[in-house]
Amino acid sequence: PSFSPLLSLQVTHLVIERPQFFRYKPGDYVYLNIPAIAAYEWHPFTISSAPEQQETLWLHVRSLGQWTNKLYEYFQQPELPSLEP
């Protein structure tokens, strides 16, 4: 996945390559795992991109807890370490 800059109000805007046959409707969500943050934790997030957007999925993640705060802090680093564990 690729990631765009952090947004104001401690919101991380994630842009993820959309799998070829992945279909969704407004209001659907995905479970997200980022091993660099926590290897065995999966968190649900509402998809914020339009279903017609064919190439990417957008997620907007507000920092409200330990995992989401770590995610935001991760992308504040000047040189990002690999997302792989």
C-alpha atoms as a PDB file:
ATOM      1  CA  PRO A   1       0.000   0.000   0.000  1.00  0.00           C
ATOM      2  CA  SER A   2       0.954   3.619  -0.435  1.00  0.00           C
ATOM      3  CA  PHE A   3       0.214   6.342   2.051  1.00  0.00           C
ATOM      4  CA  SER A   4      -0.428  10.030   1.654  1.00  0.00           C
ATOM      5  CA  PRO A   5       0.490  12.729   4.174  1.00  0.00           C
ATOM      6  CA  LEU A   6      -1.111  13.071   7.542  1.00  0.00           C
ATOM      7  CA  LEU A   7      -4.191  15.251   7.728  1.00  0.00           C
ATOM      8  CA  SER A   8      -5.017  17.770  10.422  1.00  0.00           C
ATOM      9  CA  LEU A   9      -6.778  16.793  13.653  1.00  0.00           C
ATOM     10  CA  GLN A  10      -4.650  13.656  13.947  1.00  0.00           C
ATOM     11  CA  VAL A  11      -6.237  11.861  10.998  1.00  0.00           C
ATOM     12  CA  THR A  12      -4.174   9.472   8.877  1.00  0.00           C
ATOM     13  CA  HIS A  13      -5.286   9.173   5.238  1.00  0.00           C
ATOM     14  CA  LEU A  14      -4.405   5.712   3.940  1.00  0.00           C
ATOM     15  CA  VAL A  15      -4.485   4.986   0.205  1.00  0.00           C
ATOM     16  CA  ILE A  16      -4.413   1.249  -0.507  1.00  0.00           C
ATOM     17  CA  GLU A  17      -4.205  -0.476  -3.874  1.00  0.00           C
ATOM     18  CA  ARG A  18      -7.623  -1.987  -4.566  1.00  0.00           C
ATOM     19  CA  PRO A  19      -7.599  -5.720  -5.411  1.00  0.00           C
ATOM     20  CA  GLN A  20      -8.963  -6.386  -8.896  1.00  0.00           C
ATOM     21  CA  PHE A  21     -12.206  -8.129  -7.887  1.00  0.00           C
ATOM     22  CA  PHE A  22     -12.803  -6.341  -4.576  1.00  0.00           C
ATOM     23  CA  ARG A  23     -16.354  -4.953  -4.480  1.00  0.00           C
ATOM     24  CA  TYR A  24     -18.003  -2.862  -1.780  1.00  0.00           C
ATOM     25  CA  LYS A  25     -20.957  -0.577  -1.118  1.00  0.00           C
ATOM     26  CA  PRO A  26     -21.133   2.740   0.770  1.00  0.00           C
ATOM     27  CA  GLY A  27     -20.855   2.071   4.500  1.00  0.00           C
ATOM     28  CA  ASP A  28     -18.783  -1.111   4.115  1.00  0.00           C
ATOM     29  CA  TYR A  29     -15.595  -1.536   6.115  1.00  0.00           C
ATOM     30  CA  VAL A  30     -12.331  -3.466   5.984  1.00  0.00           C
ATOM     31  CA  TYR A  31     -10.174  -4.983   8.691  1.00  0.00           C
ATOM     32  CA  LEU A  32      -6.691  -3.491   8.638  1.00  0.00           C
ATOM     33  CA  ASN A  33      -3.500  -5.094   9.941  1.00  0.00           C
ATOM     34  CA  ILE A  34      -0.184  -3.239   9.893  1.00  0.00           C
ATOM     35  CA  PRO A  35       2.530  -5.536  11.306  1.00  0.00           C
ATOM     36  CA  ALA A  36       4.891  -2.586  11.973  1.00  0.00           C
ATOM     37  CA  ILE A  37       2.278  -1.286  14.445  1.00  0.00           C
ATOM     38  CA  ALA A  38       1.000  -4.586  15.924  1.00  0.00           C
ATOM     39  CA  ALA A  39       1.594  -7.923  14.221  1.00  0.00           C
ATOM     40  CA  TYR A  40      -1.551  -9.710  15.446  1.00  0.00           C
ATOM     41  CA  GLU A  41      -4.120  -6.919  15.700  1.00  0.00           C
ATOM     42  CA  TRP A  42      -6.808  -6.279  13.093  1.00  0.00           C
ATOM     43  CA  HIS A  43      -8.976  -3.150  13.267  1.00  0.00           C
ATOM     44  CA  PRO A  44     -12.157  -2.322  11.316  1.00  0.00           C
ATOM     45  CA  PHE A  45     -12.331   0.957   9.365  1.00  0.00           C
ATOM     46  CA  THR A  46     -15.031   2.349   7.118  1.00  0.00           C
ATOM     47  CA  ILE A  47     -14.005   2.729   3.487  1.00  0.00           C
ATOM     48  CA  SER A  48     -14.177   6.431   2.640  1.00  0.00           C
ATOM     49  CA  SER A  49     -13.587   6.234  -1.126  1.00  0.00           C
ATOM     50  CA  ALA A  50     -16.414   5.910  -3.654  1.00  0.00           C
ATOM     51  CA  PRO A  51     -17.141   2.390  -4.988  1.00  0.00           C
ATOM     52  CA  GLU A  52     -16.580   3.763  -8.510  1.00  0.00           C
ATOM     53  CA  GLN A  53     -12.952   4.514  -7.611  1.00  0.00           C
ATOM     54  CA  GLN A  54     -11.388   1.525  -9.355  1.00  0.00           C
ATOM     55  CA  GLU A  55      -7.698   1.605  -8.434  1.00  0.00           C
ATOM     56  CA  THR A  56      -7.515   2.544  -4.762  1.00  0.00           C
ATOM     57  CA  LEU A  57      -9.317   2.324  -1.421  1.00  0.00           C
ATOM     58  CA  TRP A  58      -9.244   5.297   0.920  1.00  0.00           C
ATOM     59  CA  LEU A  59      -9.374   5.054   4.685  1.00  0.00           C
ATOM     60  CA  HIS A  60      -9.361   8.005   7.073  1.00  0.00           C
ATOM     61  CA  VAL A  61      -8.219   6.958  10.539  1.00  0.00           C
ATOM     62  CA  ARG A  62      -8.642   9.341  13.468  1.00  0.00           C
ATOM     63  CA  SER A  63      -6.195   8.883  16.357  1.00  0.00           C
ATOM     64  CA  LEU A  64      -8.430   7.922  19.283  1.00  0.00           C
ATOM     65  CA  GLY A  65      -6.679   4.987  20.943  1.00  0.00           C
ATOM     66  CA  GLN A  66      -3.360   3.249  21.397  1.00  0.00           C
ATOM     67  CA  TRP A  67      -3.233   1.531  17.969  1.00  0.00           C
ATOM     68  CA  THR A  68      -4.493   4.538  15.984  1.00  0.00           C
ATOM     69  CA  ASN A  69      -2.125   6.852  17.868  1.00  0.00           C
ATOM     70  CA  LYS A  70       0.793   4.534  16.980  1.00  0.00           C
ATOM     71  CA  LEU A  71      -0.334   4.603  13.344  1.00  0.00           C
ATOM     72  CA  TYR A  72      -0.356   8.408  13.299  1.00  0.00           C
ATOM     73  CA  GLU A  73       3.036   8.592  15.052  1.00  0.00           C
ATOM     74  CA  TYR A  74       4.478   6.054  12.603  1.00  0.00           C
ATOM     75  CA  PHE A  75       3.763   8.376   9.676  1.00  0.00           C
ATOM     76  CA  GLN A  76       5.188  11.408  11.501  1.00  0.00           C
ATOM     77  CA  GLN A  77       8.674   9.891  11.267  1.00  0.00           C
ATOM     78  CA  PRO A  78      10.945  11.674   8.742  1.00  0.00           C
ATOM     79  CA  GLU A  79      12.214   8.347   7.342  1.00  0.00           C
ATOM     80  CA  LEU A  80       9.650   5.601   7.503  1.00  0.00           C
ATOM     81  CA  PRO A  81      10.824   2.110   8.389  1.00  0.00           C
ATOM     82  CA  SER A  82       9.436  -0.777   6.342  1.00  0.00           C
ATOM     83  CA  LEU A  83       5.821  -1.779   6.974  1.00  0.00           C
ATOM     84  CA  GLU A  84       6.910  -5.414   6.964  1.00  0.00           C
ATOM     85  CA  PRO A  85       7.439  -7.054  10.403  1.00  0.00           C
END
